[in-house]
PDB file of N, CA and C in Angstrom:
ATOM      1  N   MET A   1     -37.221 330.695 139.207  1.00  0.00           N
ATOM      2  CA  MET A   1     -37.804 331.542 138.192  1.00  0.00           C
ATOM      3  C   MET A   1     -39.177 331.984 138.695  1.00  0.00           C
ATOM      4  N   GLU A   2     -39.446 333.256 138.641  1.00  0.00           N
ATOM      5  CA  GLU A   2     -40.752 333.766 139.039  1.00  0.00           C
ATOM      6  C   GLU A   2     -41.747 333.520 137.916  1.00  0.00           C
ATOM      7  N   ARG A   3     -42.952 333.223 138.294  1.00  0.00           N
ATOM      8  CA  ARG A   3     -44.022 332.992 137.324  1.00  0.00           C
ATOM      9  C   ARG A   3     -45.139 333.982 137.570  1.00  0.00           C
ATOM     10  N   LEU A   4     -45.738 334.460 136.503  1.00  0.00           N
ATOM     11  CA  LEU A   4     -46.946 335.273 136.635  1.00  0.00           C
ATOM     12  C   LEU A   4     -48.097 334.348 136.973  1.00  0.00           C
ATOM     13  N   ALA A   5     -49.164 334.881 137.458  1.00  0.00           N
ATOM     14  CA  ALA A   5     -50.344 334.065 137.770  1.00  0.00           C
ATOM     15  C   ALA A   5     -50.858 333.412 136.493  1.00  0.00           C
ATOM     16  N   ASP A   6     -51.364 332.187 136.630  1.00  0.00           N
ATOM     17  CA  ASP A   6     -51.944 331.494 135.477  1.00  0.00           C
ATOM     18  C   ASP A   6     -53.226 332.189 135.047  1.00  0.00           C
ATOM     19  N   LEU A   7     -53.527 332.116 133.772  1.00  0.00           N
ATOM     20  CA  LEU A   7     -54.719 332.714 133.201  1.00  0.00           C
ATOM     21  C   LEU A   7     -55.466 331.620 132.458  1.00  0.00           C
ATOM     22  N   GLN A   8     -56.756 331.432 132.761  1.00  0.00           N
ATOM     23  CA  GLN A   8     -57.526 330.397 132.093  1.00  0.00           C
ATOM     24  C   GLN A   8     -58.217 331.000 130.878  1.00  0.00           C
ATOM     25  N   VAL A   9     -57.976 330.391 129.708  1.00  0.00           N
ATOM     26  CA  VAL A   9     -58.553 330.864 128.457  1.00  0.00           C
ATOM     27  C   VAL A   9     -59.107 329.667 127.699  1.00  0.00           C
ATOM     28  N   HIS A  10     -60.408 329.648 127.429  1.00  0.00           N
ATOM     29  CA  HIS A  10     -61.058 328.588 126.653  1.00  0.00           C
ATOM     30  C   HIS A  10     -60.683 327.198 127.149  1.00  0.00           C
ATOM     31  N   GLY A  11     -60.685 326.997 128.462  1.00  0.00           N
ATOM     32  CA  GLY A  11     -60.408 325.682 129.019  1.00  0.00           C
ATOM     33  C   GLY A  11     -58.939 325.356 129.153  1.00  0.00           C
ATOM     34  N   LEU A  12     -58.064 326.190 128.610  1.00  0.00           N
ATOM     35  CA  LEU A  12     -56.628 325.967 128.751  1.00  0.00           C
ATOM     36  C   LEU A  12     -56.104 326.892 129.833  1.00  0.00           C
ATOM     37  N   ILE A  13     -55.143 326.423 130.564  1.00  0.00           N
ATOM     38  CA  ILE A  13     -54.476 327.289 131.528  1.00  0.00           C
ATOM     39  C   ILE A  13     -53.162 327.688 130.901  1.00  0.00           C
ATOM     40  N   VAL A  14     -52.957 328.980 130.728  1.00  0.00           N
ATOM     41  CA  VAL A  14     -51.761 329.481 130.065  1.00  0.00           C
ATOM     42  C   VAL A  14     -50.919 330.198 131.101  1.00  0.00           C
ATOM     43  N   ALA A  15     -49.690 329.784 131.261  1.00  0.00           N
ATOM     44  CA  ALA A  15     -48.779 330.432 132.200  1.00  0.00           C
ATOM     45  C   ALA A  15     -48.029 331.538 131.471  1.00  0.00           C
ATOM     46  N   ASP A  16     -47.174 332.223 132.196  1.00  0.00           N
ATOM     47  CA  ASP A  16     -46.371 333.261 131.556  1.00  0.00           C
ATOM     48  C   ASP A  16     -45.505 332.645 130.470  1.00  0.00           C
ATOM     49  N   GLU A  17     -44.897 333.466 129.655  1.00  0.00           N
ATOM     50  CA  GLU A  17     -44.210 332.989 128.455  1.00  0.00           C
ATOM     51  C   GLU A  17     -42.699 332.857 128.617  1.00  0.00           C
ATOM     52  N   ALA A  18     -42.203 332.616 129.821  1.00  0.00           N
ATOM     53  CA  ALA A  18     -40.766 332.458 130.034  1.00  0.00           C
ATOM     54  C   ALA A  18     -40.316 331.090 129.534  1.00  0.00           C
ATOM     55  N   ALA A  19     -39.321 331.066 128.669  1.00  0.00           N
ATOM     56  CA  ALA A  19     -38.791 329.809 128.143  1.00  0.00           C
ATOM     57  C   ALA A  19     -37.870 329.173 129.177  1.00  0.00           C
ATOM     58  N   GLU A  20     -37.799 327.859 129.136  1.00  0.00           N
ATOM     59  CA  GLU A  20     -36.895 327.135 130.018  1.00  0.00           C
ATOM     60  C   GLU A  20     -36.340 325.927 129.280  1.00  0.00           C
ATOM     61  N   THR A  21     -35.279 325.353 129.829  1.00  0.00           N
ATOM     62  CA  THR A  21     -34.705 324.138 129.279  1.00  0.00           C
ATOM     63  C   THR A  21     -35.029 322.992 130.217  1.00  0.00           C
ATOM     64  N   VAL A  22     -35.591 321.930 129.653  1.00  0.00           N
ATOM     65  CA  VAL A  22     -35.978 320.750 130.413  1.00  0.00           C
ATOM     66  C   VAL A  22     -35.108 319.599 129.941  1.00  0.00           C
ATOM     67  N   ILE A  23     -34.488 318.896 130.887  1.00  0.00           N
ATOM     68  CA  ILE A  23     -33.646 317.744 130.559  1.00  0.00           C
ATOM     69  C   ILE A  23     -34.273 316.510 131.178  1.00  0.00           C
ATOM     70  N   GLY A  24     -34.467 315.478 130.357  1.00  0.00           N
ATOM     71  CA  GLY A  24     -35.069 314.253 130.863  1.00  0.00           C
ATOM     72  C   GLY A  24     -35.118 313.183 129.796  1.00  0.00           C
ATOM     73  N   SER A  25     -35.872 312.131 130.068  1.00  0.00           N
ATOM     74  CA  SER A  25     -35.996 310.997 129.150  1.00  0.00           C
ATOM     75  C   SER A  25     -37.172 311.210 128.214  1.00  0.00           C
ATOM     76  N   LEU A  26     -36.918 311.006 126.923  1.00  0.00           N
ATOM     77  CA  LEU A  26     -37.978 311.093 125.924  1.00  0.00           C
ATOM     78  C   LEU A  26     -38.747 309.776 125.944  1.00  0.00           C
ATOM     79  N   ILE A  27     -40.077 309.869 126.032  1.00  0.00           N
ATOM     80  CA  ILE A  27     -40.906 308.672 126.076  1.00  0.00           C
ATOM     81  C   ILE A  27     -42.062 308.805 125.089  1.00  0.00           C
ATOM     82  N   LEU A  28     -42.695 307.688 124.791  1.00  0.00           N
ATOM     83  CA  LEU A  28     -43.973 307.656 124.080  1.00  0.00           C
ATOM     84  C   LEU A  28     -45.010 307.211 125.098  1.00  0.00           C
ATOM     85  N   THR A  29     -46.090 307.961 125.223  1.00  0.00           N
ATOM     86  CA  THR A  29     -47.110 307.688 126.225  1.00  0.00           C
ATOM     87  C   THR A  29     -48.480 308.023 125.642  1.00  0.00           C
ATOM     88  N   PRO A  30     -49.550 307.410 126.148  1.00  0.00           N
ATOM     89  CA  PRO A  30     -50.877 307.754 125.611  1.00  0.00           C
ATOM     90  C   PRO A  30     -51.129 309.260 125.664  1.00  0.00           C
ATOM     91  N   ASN A  31     -51.623 309.796 124.555  1.00  0.00           N
ATOM     92  CA  ASN A  31     -51.847 311.243 124.458  1.00  0.00           C
ATOM     93  C   ASN A  31     -53.062 311.674 125.263  1.00  0.00           C
ATOM     94  N   PRO A  32     -53.032 312.922 125.744  1.00  0.00           N
ATOM     95  CA  PRO A  32     -54.242 313.455 126.373  1.00  0.00           C
ATOM     96  C   PRO A  32     -55.328 313.608 125.313  1.00  0.00           C
ATOM     97  N   CYS A  33     -56.557 313.472 125.727  1.00  0.00           N
ATOM     98  CA  CYS A  33     -57.681 313.595 124.801  1.00  0.00           C
ATOM     99  C   CYS A  33     -57.964 315.081 124.580  1.00  0.00           C
ATOM    100  N   THR A  34     -57.720 315.551 123.380  1.00  0.00           N
ATOM    101  CA  THR A  34     -57.895 316.974 123.076  1.00  0.00           C
ATOM    102  C   THR A  34     -58.946 317.230 122.007  1.00  0.00           C
ATOM    103  N   THR A  35     -59.592 316.166 121.515  1.00  0.00           N
ATOM    104  CA  THR A  35     -60.618 316.316 120.479  1.00  0.00           C
ATOM    105  C   THR A  35     -61.851 315.503 120.854  1.00  0.00           C
ATOM    106  N   GLU A  36     -62.968 315.856 120.252  1.00  0.00           N
ATOM    107  CA  GLU A  36     -64.215 315.110 120.422  1.00  0.00           C
ATOM    108  C   GLU A  36     -64.610 314.585 119.052  1.00  0.00           C
ATOM    109  N   PRO A  37     -64.653 313.306 118.758  1.00  0.00           N
ATOM    110  CA  PRO A  37     -64.328 312.230 119.681  1.00  0.00           C
ATOM    111  C   PRO A  37     -62.816 312.174 119.948  1.00  0.00           C
ATOM    112  N   CYS A  38     -62.473 311.513 121.032  1.00  0.00           N
ATOM    113  CA  CYS A  38     -61.068 311.373 121.412  1.00  0.00           C
ATOM    114  C   CYS A  38     -60.359 310.467 120.409  1.00  0.00           C
ATOM    115  N   LEU A  39     -59.228 310.915 119.916  1.00  0.00           N
ATOM    116  CA  LEU A  39     -58.424 310.127 118.982  1.00  0.00           C
ATOM    117  C   LEU A  39     -57.219 309.570 119.740  1.00  0.00           C
ATOM    118  N   PRO A  40     -57.259 308.292 120.104  1.00  0.00           N
ATOM    119  CA  PRO A  40     -56.163 307.723 120.885  1.00  0.00           C
ATOM    120  C   PRO A  40     -54.901 307.576 120.049  1.00  0.00           C
ATOM    121  N   GLY A  41     -53.782 307.622 120.719  1.00  0.00           N
ATOM    122  CA  GLY A  41     -52.494 307.443 120.072  1.00  0.00           C
ATOM    123  C   GLY A  41     -51.392 307.582 121.097  1.00  0.00           C
ATOM    124  N   LEU A  42     -50.160 307.550 120.617  1.00  0.00           N
ATOM    125  CA  LEU A  42     -49.004 307.738 121.481  1.00  0.00           C
ATOM    126  C   LEU A  42     -48.343 309.059 121.131  1.00  0.00           C
ATOM    127  N   ALA A  43     -48.078 309.842 122.154  1.00  0.00           N
ATOM    128  CA  ALA A  43     -47.441 311.148 121.973  1.00  0.00           C
ATOM    129  C   ALA A  43     -46.076 311.146 122.651  1.00  0.00           C
ATOM    130  N   TYR A  44     -45.180 311.975 122.114  1.00  0.00           N
ATOM    131  CA  TYR A  44     -43.878 312.156 122.756  1.00  0.00           C
ATOM    132  C   TYR A  44     -44.047 313.021 123.993  1.00  0.00           C
ATOM    133  N   ALA A  45     -43.334 312.649 125.053  1.00  0.00           N
ATOM    134  CA  ALA A  45     -43.306 313.435 126.275  1.00  0.00           C
ATOM    135  C   ALA A  45     -41.905 313.319 126.863  1.00  0.00           C
ATOM    136  N   ILE A  46     -41.607 314.206 127.772  1.00  0.00           N
ATOM    137  CA  ILE A  46     -40.319 314.183 128.463  1.00  0.00           C
ATOM    138  C   ILE A  46     -40.601 313.988 129.943  1.00  0.00           C
ATOM    139  N   ASP A  47     -40.006 312.927 130.513  1.00  0.00           N
ATOM    140  CA  ASP A  47     -40.063 312.717 131.960  1.00  0.00           C
ATOM    141  C   ASP A  47     -38.852 313.408 132.556  1.00  0.00           C
ATOM    142  N   ALA A  48     -39.106 314.422 133.392  1.00  0.00           N
ATOM    143  CA  ALA A  48     -38.009 315.212 133.956  1.00  0.00           C
ATOM    144  C   ALA A  48     -38.370 315.707 135.350  1.00  0.00           C
ATOM    145  N   ASP A  49     -37.533 315.413 136.306  1.00  0.00           N
ATOM    146  CA  ASP A  49     -37.689 315.940 137.663  1.00  0.00           C
ATOM    147  C   ASP A  49     -39.092 315.719 138.214  1.00  0.00           C
ATOM    148  N   GLY A  50     -39.641 314.532 138.009  1.00  0.00           N
ATOM    149  CA  GLY A  50     -40.961 314.225 138.536  1.00  0.00           C
ATOM    150  C   GLY A  50     -42.115 314.813 137.753  1.00  0.00           C
ATOM    151  N   ARG A  51     -41.824 315.434 136.613  1.00  0.00           N
ATOM    152  CA  ARG A  51     -42.871 316.004 135.760  1.00  0.00           C
ATOM    153  C   ARG A  51     -42.888 315.259 134.436  1.00  0.00           C
ATOM    154  N   ARG A  52     -44.072 315.138 133.846  1.00  0.00           N
ATOM    155  CA  ARG A  52     -44.209 314.617 132.482  1.00  0.00           C
ATOM    156  C   ARG A  52     -44.717 315.767 131.639  1.00  0.00           C
ATOM    157  N   LEU A  53     -43.925 316.138 130.623  1.00  0.00           N
ATOM    158  CA  LEU A  53     -44.293 317.252 129.749  1.00  0.00           C
ATOM    159  C   LEU A  53     -44.497 316.728 128.336  1.00  0.00           C
ATOM    160  N   PHE A  54     -45.703 316.893 127.803  1.00  0.00           N
ATOM    161  CA  PHE A  54     -45.965 316.488 126.427  1.00  0.00           C
ATOM    162  C   PHE A  54     -45.307 317.479 125.484  1.00  0.00           C
ATOM    163  N   VAL A  55     -44.669 316.959 124.441  1.00  0.00           N
ATOM    164  CA  VAL A  55     -43.945 317.785 123.481  1.00  0.00           C
ATOM    165  C   VAL A  55     -44.926 318.309 122.433  1.00  0.00           C
ATOM    166  N   THR A  56     -44.920 319.634 122.229  1.00  0.00           N
ATOM    167  CA  THR A  56     -45.749 320.243 121.187  1.00  0.00           C
ATOM    168  C   THR A  56     -44.888 321.118 120.291  1.00  0.00           C
ATOM    169  N   THR A  57     -45.319 321.248 119.038  1.00  0.00           N
ATOM    170  CA  THR A  57     -44.767 322.236 118.115  1.00  0.00           C
ATOM    171  C   THR A  57     -45.956 322.851 117.392  1.00  0.00           C
ATOM    172  N   ASP A  58     -45.929 324.149 117.253  1.00  0.00           N
ATOM    173  CA  ASP A  58     -47.049 324.885 116.658  1.00  0.00           C
ATOM    174  C   ASP A  58     -48.365 324.532 117.348  1.00  0.00           C
ATOM    175  N   GLY A  59     -48.307 324.269 118.665  1.00  0.00           N
ATOM    176  CA  GLY A  59     -49.497 323.990 119.454  1.00  0.00           C
ATOM    177  C   GLY A  59     -50.030 322.576 119.355  1.00  0.00           C
ATOM    178  N   ALA A  60     -49.432 321.735 118.499  1.00  0.00           N
ATOM    179  CA  ALA A  60     -49.925 320.370 118.303  1.00  0.00           C
ATOM    180  C   ALA A  60     -49.020 319.364 119.005  1.00  0.00           C
ATOM    181  N   LEU A  61     -49.643 318.321 119.569  1.00  0.00           N
ATOM    182  CA  LEU A  61     -48.870 317.246 120.176  1.00  0.00           C
ATOM    183  C   LEU A  61     -48.026 316.569 119.105  1.00  0.00           C
ATOM    184  N   ARG A  62     -46.810 316.205 119.462  1.00  0.00           N
ATOM    185  CA  ARG A  62     -45.957 315.436 118.549  1.00  0.00           C
ATOM    186  C   ARG A  62     -46.246 313.970 118.807  1.00  0.00           C
ATOM    187  N   MET A  63     -46.810 313.315 117.815  1.00  0.00           N
ATOM    188  CA  MET A  63     -47.283 311.944 117.940  1.00  0.00           C
ATOM    189  C   MET A  63     -46.239 310.959 117.415  1.00  0.00           C
ATOM    190  N   GLN A  64     -46.439 309.697 117.775  1.00  0.00           N
ATOM    191  CA  GLN A  64     -45.568 308.633 117.291  1.00  0.00           C
ATOM    192  C   GLN A  64     -45.488 308.718 115.777  1.00  0.00           C
ATOM    193  N   GLY A  65     -44.290 308.578 115.218  1.00  0.00           N
ATOM    194  CA  GLY A  65     -44.092 308.667 113.778  1.00  0.00           C
ATOM    195  C   GLY A  65     -43.681 310.050 113.319  1.00  0.00           C
ATOM    196  N   HIS A  66     -43.670 311.026 114.237  1.00  0.00           N
ATOM    197  CA  HIS A  66     -43.232 312.384 113.884  1.00  0.00           C
ATOM    198  C   HIS A  66     -41.774 312.345 113.448  1.00  0.00           C
ATOM    199  N   HIS A  67     -41.445 313.074 112.386  1.00  0.00           N
ATOM    200  CA  HIS A  67     -40.061 313.176 111.927  1.00  0.00           C
ATOM    201  C   HIS A  67     -39.508 314.506 112.406  1.00  0.00           C
ATOM    202  N   TRP A  68     -38.477 314.424 113.214  1.00  0.00           N
ATOM    203  CA  TRP A  68     -37.867 315.605 113.817  1.00  0.00           C
ATOM    204  C   TRP A  68     -36.965 316.295 112.805  1.00  0.00           C
ATOM    205  N   ALA A  69     -36.993 317.607 112.788  1.00  0.00           N
ATOM    206  CA  ALA A  69     -36.136 318.386 111.894  1.00  0.00           C
ATOM    207  C   ALA A  69     -34.693 318.375 112.403  1.00  0.00           C
ATOM    208  N   GLU A  70     -34.547 318.162 113.697  1.00  0.00           N
ATOM    209  CA  GLU A  70     -33.216 318.169 114.301  1.00  0.00           C
ATOM    210  C   GLU A  70     -32.741 316.727 114.435  1.00  0.00           C
ATOM    211  N   ALA A  71     -31.861 316.464 115.381  1.00  0.00           N
ATOM    212  CA  ALA A  71     -31.370 315.109 115.629  1.00  0.00           C
ATOM    213  C   ALA A  71     -32.555 314.185 115.884  1.00  0.00           C
ATOM    214  N   GLU A  72     -32.486 312.967 115.385  1.00  0.00           N
ATOM    215  CA  GLU A  72     -33.576 312.004 115.554  1.00  0.00           C
ATOM    216  C   GLU A  72     -33.474 311.351 116.932  1.00  0.00           C
ATOM    217  N   PRO A  73     -34.200 311.864 117.919  1.00  0.00           N
ATOM    218  CA  PRO A  73     -34.154 311.228 119.239  1.00  0.00           C
ATOM    219  C   PRO A  73     -34.964 309.936 119.240  1.00  0.00           C
ATOM    220  N   GLU A  74     -34.546 309.005 120.046  1.00  0.00           N
ATOM    221  CA  GLU A  74     -35.252 307.738 120.192  1.00  0.00           C
ATOM    222  C   GLU A  74     -35.930 307.711 121.555  1.00  0.00           C
ATOM    223  N   PRO A  75     -37.109 307.116 121.661  1.00  0.00           N
ATOM    224  CA  PRO A  75     -37.704 306.964 122.988  1.00  0.00           C
ATOM    225  C   PRO A  75     -36.723 306.265 123.921  1.00  0.00           C
ATOM    226  N   GLY A  76     -36.628 306.772 125.130  1.00  0.00           N
ATOM    227  CA  GLY A  76     -35.673 306.251 126.105  1.00  0.00           C
ATOM    228  C   GLY A  76     -34.383 307.046 126.167  1.00  0.00           C
ATOM    229  N   SER A  77     -34.142 307.873 125.128  1.00  0.00           N
ATOM    230  CA  SER A  77     -32.913 308.672 125.136  1.00  0.00           C
ATOM    231  C   SER A  77     -33.084 309.908 126.009  1.00  0.00           C
ATOM    232  N   ARG A  78     -31.971 310.407 126.488  1.00  0.00           N
ATOM    233  CA  ARG A  78     -31.967 311.607 127.325  1.00  0.00           C
ATOM    234  C   ARG A  78     -31.869 312.814 126.396  1.00  0.00           C
ATOM    235  N   VAL A  79     -32.782 313.773 126.584  1.00  0.00           N
ATOM    236  CA  VAL A  79     -32.833 314.938 125.704  1.00  0.00           C
ATOM    237  C   VAL A  79     -32.882 316.226 126.513  1.00  0.00           C
ATOM    238  N   ALA A  80     -32.491 317.307 125.846  1.00  0.00           N
ATOM    239  CA  ALA A  80     -32.641 318.662 126.385  1.00  0.00           C
ATOM    240  C   ALA A  80     -33.613 319.380 125.460  1.00  0.00           C
ATOM    241  N   ALA A  81     -34.731 319.816 126.019  1.00  0.00           N
ATOM    242  CA  ALA A  81     -35.745 320.532 125.242  1.00  0.00           C
ATOM    243  C   ALA A  81     -35.817 321.961 125.760  1.00  0.00           C
ATOM    244  N   HIS A  82     -35.757 322.918 124.835  1.00  0.00           N
ATOM    245  CA  HIS A  82     -35.879 324.322 125.210  1.00  0.00           C
ATOM    246  C   HIS A  82     -37.200 324.820 124.654  1.00  0.00           C
ATOM    247  N   GLY A  83     -37.980 325.478 125.517  1.00  0.00           N
ATOM    248  CA  GLY A  83     -39.249 325.999 125.046  1.00  0.00           C
ATOM    249  C   GLY A  83     -40.082 326.549 126.184  1.00  0.00           C
ATOM    250  N   ILE A  84     -41.335 326.791 125.884  1.00  0.00           N
ATOM    251  CA  ILE A  84     -42.270 327.376 126.840  1.00  0.00           C
ATOM    252  C   ILE A  84     -43.138 326.265 127.418  1.00  0.00           C
ATOM    253  N   VAL A  85     -43.147 326.159 128.738  1.00  0.00           N
ATOM    254  CA  VAL A  85     -43.948 325.149 129.433  1.00  0.00           C
ATOM    255  C   VAL A  85     -45.289 325.771 129.812  1.00  0.00           C
ATOM    256  N   ARG A  86     -46.341 325.035 129.493  1.00  0.00           N
ATOM    257  CA  ARG A  86     -47.692 325.499 129.804  1.00  0.00           C
ATOM    258  C   ARG A  86     -48.480 324.377 130.470  1.00  0.00           C
ATOM    259  N   ALA A  87     -49.325 324.742 131.423  1.00  0.00           N
ATOM    260  CA  ALA A  87     -50.286 323.800 131.995  1.00  0.00           C
ATOM    261  C   ALA A  87     -51.525 323.853 131.110  1.00  0.00           C
ATOM    262  N   ARG A  88     -52.048 322.682 130.751  1.00  0.00           N
ATOM    263  CA  ARG A  88     -53.235 322.600 129.897  1.00  0.00           C
ATOM    264  C   ARG A  88     -54.212 321.616 130.505  1.00  0.00           C
ATOM    265  N   ARG A  89     -55.385 321.544 129.926  1.00  0.00           N
ATOM    266  CA  ARG A  89     -56.400 320.571 130.340  1.00  0.00           C
ATOM    267  C   ARG A  89     -56.930 319.856 129.103  1.00  0.00           C
ATOM    268  N   ASP A  90     -57.190 318.540 129.271  1.00  0.00           N
ATOM    269  CA  ASP A  90     -57.804 317.812 128.165  1.00  0.00           C
ATOM    270  C   ASP A  90     -59.312 318.100 128.169  1.00  0.00           C
ATOM    271  N   ILE A  91     -60.063 317.481 127.256  1.00  0.00           N
ATOM    272  CA  ILE A  91     -61.479 317.836 127.139  1.00  0.00           C
ATOM    273  C   ILE A  91     -62.302 317.394 128.353  1.00  0.00           C
ATOM    274  N   ALA A  92     -61.757 316.486 129.171  1.00  0.00           N
ATOM    275  CA  ALA A  92     -62.446 316.066 130.395  1.00  0.00           C
ATOM    276  C   ALA A  92     -62.035 316.923 131.590  1.00  0.00           C
ATOM    277  N   GLY A  93     -61.152 317.907 131.354  1.00  0.00           N
ATOM    278  CA  GLY A  93     -60.724 318.789 132.427  1.00  0.00           C
ATOM    279  C   GLY A  93     -59.514 318.313 133.199  1.00  0.00           C
ATOM    280  N   ARG A  94     -58.914 317.199 132.778  1.00  0.00           N
ATOM    281  CA  ARG A  94     -57.724 316.690 133.468  1.00  0.00           C
ATOM    282  C   ARG A  94     -56.503 317.519 133.068  1.00  0.00           C
ATOM    283  N   PRO A  95     -55.700 317.944 134.049  1.00  0.00           N
ATOM    284  CA  PRO A  95     -54.540 318.782 133.734  1.00  0.00           C
ATOM    285  C   PRO A  95     -53.375 317.961 133.184  1.00  0.00           C
ATOM    286  N   TYR A  96     -52.589 318.586 132.341  1.00  0.00           N
ATOM    287  CA  TYR A  96     -51.319 318.023 131.882  1.00  0.00           C
ATOM    288  C   TYR A  96     -50.392 319.171 131.535  1.00  0.00           C
ATOM    289  N   LEU A  97     -49.098 318.882 131.479  1.00  0.00           N
ATOM    290  CA  LEU A  97     -48.106 319.887 131.106  1.00  0.00           C
ATOM    291  C   LEU A  97     -47.658 319.652 129.674  1.00  0.00           C
ATOM    292  N   ALA A  98     -47.378 320.727 128.969  1.00  0.00           N
ATOM    293  CA  ALA A  98     -46.863 320.652 127.598  1.00  0.00           C
ATOM    294  C   ALA A  98     -45.696 321.616 127.477  1.00  0.00           C
ATOM    295  N   ILE A  99     -44.721 321.253 126.660  1.00  0.00           N
ATOM    296  CA  ILE A  99     -43.626 322.165 126.353  1.00  0.00           C
ATOM    297  C   ILE A  99     -43.648 322.422 124.856  1.00  0.00           C
ATOM    298  N   GLU A 100     -43.826 323.690 124.499  1.00  0.00           N
ATOM    299  CA  GLU A 100     -43.769 324.126 123.092  1.00  0.00           C
ATOM    300  C   GLU A 100     -42.298 324.246 122.761  1.00  0.00           C
ATOM    301  N   VAL A 101     -41.795 323.256 122.046  1.00  0.00           N
ATOM    302  CA  VAL A 101     -40.355 323.092 121.853  1.00  0.00           C
ATOM    303  C   VAL A 101     -39.823 324.003 120.746  1.00  0.00           C
ATOM    304  N   SER A 102     -38.797 324.766 121.084  1.00  0.00           N
ATOM    305  CA  SER A 102     -38.093 325.551 120.061  1.00  0.00           C
ATOM    306  C   SER A 102     -36.814 324.834 119.638  1.00  0.00           C
ATOM    307  N   SER A 103     -36.270 323.974 120.515  1.00  0.00           N
ATOM    308  CA  SER A 103     -35.131 323.134 120.131  1.00  0.00           C
ATOM    309  C   SER A 103     -35.129 321.872 120.983  1.00  0.00           C
ATOM    310  N   LEU A 104     -34.666 320.791 120.389  1.00  0.00           N
ATOM    311  CA  LEU A 104     -34.581 319.491 121.056  1.00  0.00           C
ATOM    312  C   LEU A 104     -33.273 318.862 120.631  1.00  0.00           C
ATOM    313  N   SER A 105     -32.454 318.462 121.604  1.00  0.00           N
ATOM    314  CA  SER A 105     -31.156 317.893 121.282  1.00  0.00           C
ATOM    315  C   SER A 105     -30.795 316.824 122.307  1.00  0.00           C
ATOM    316  N   PRO A 106     -29.835 315.950 121.954  1.00  0.00           N
ATOM    317  CA  PRO A 106     -29.375 314.955 122.943  1.00  0.00           C
ATOM    318  C   PRO A 106     -28.788 315.672 124.152  1.00  0.00           C
ATOM    319  N   ALA A 107     -29.038 315.132 125.337  1.00  0.00           N
ATOM    320  CA  ALA A 107     -28.500 315.711 126.569  1.00  0.00           C
ATOM    321  C   ALA A 107     -27.222 314.972 126.969  1.00  0.00           C
ATOM    322  N   GLU A 108     -26.325 315.694 127.550  1.00  0.00           N
ATOM    323  CA  GLU A 108     -25.088 315.102 128.073  1.00  0.00           C
ATOM    324  C   GLU A 108     -25.416 314.315 129.335  1.00  0.00           C
ATOM    325  N   GLY A 109     -24.748 313.193 129.510  1.00  0.00           N
ATOM    326  CA  GLY A 109     -24.862 312.442 130.761  1.00  0.00           C
ATOM    327  C   GLY A 109     -26.017 311.598 130.787  1.00  0.00           C
TER     328      GLY A 109
END
C-alpha cells in the first residue's frame, strides 16, 4: 500500500487516511502518556506483525474496562481490527502507533 508523506500537526504525526485491516493478539498494556499530568492505566492494543497498535475510537485510547459495542474480545484473543493507522507521539515525544477502529471482530485461526 502506498502512503503519502507524514504530516506533523500539533505534536502528532498524521499519516494518510487509508484504512487497513490488522490481525493480531489483543492485549492490555500501559498506556502512552497523553495528558499533563500523566494518567497511568492499561490500554487495549493489538500486537500484529511486530507492531503494537493502541486501539482508539473517536480519537481516545480504549482503556481497561471499556465495553465494546461489538463482540466482547478478551485480552489474549486473536482479533481483526479495521481502521486507520496513525503514528502519534506522547507528551514526551515518544512515538507510538494507534488504530482508529471502525470494526473489531474475532479473527479466524
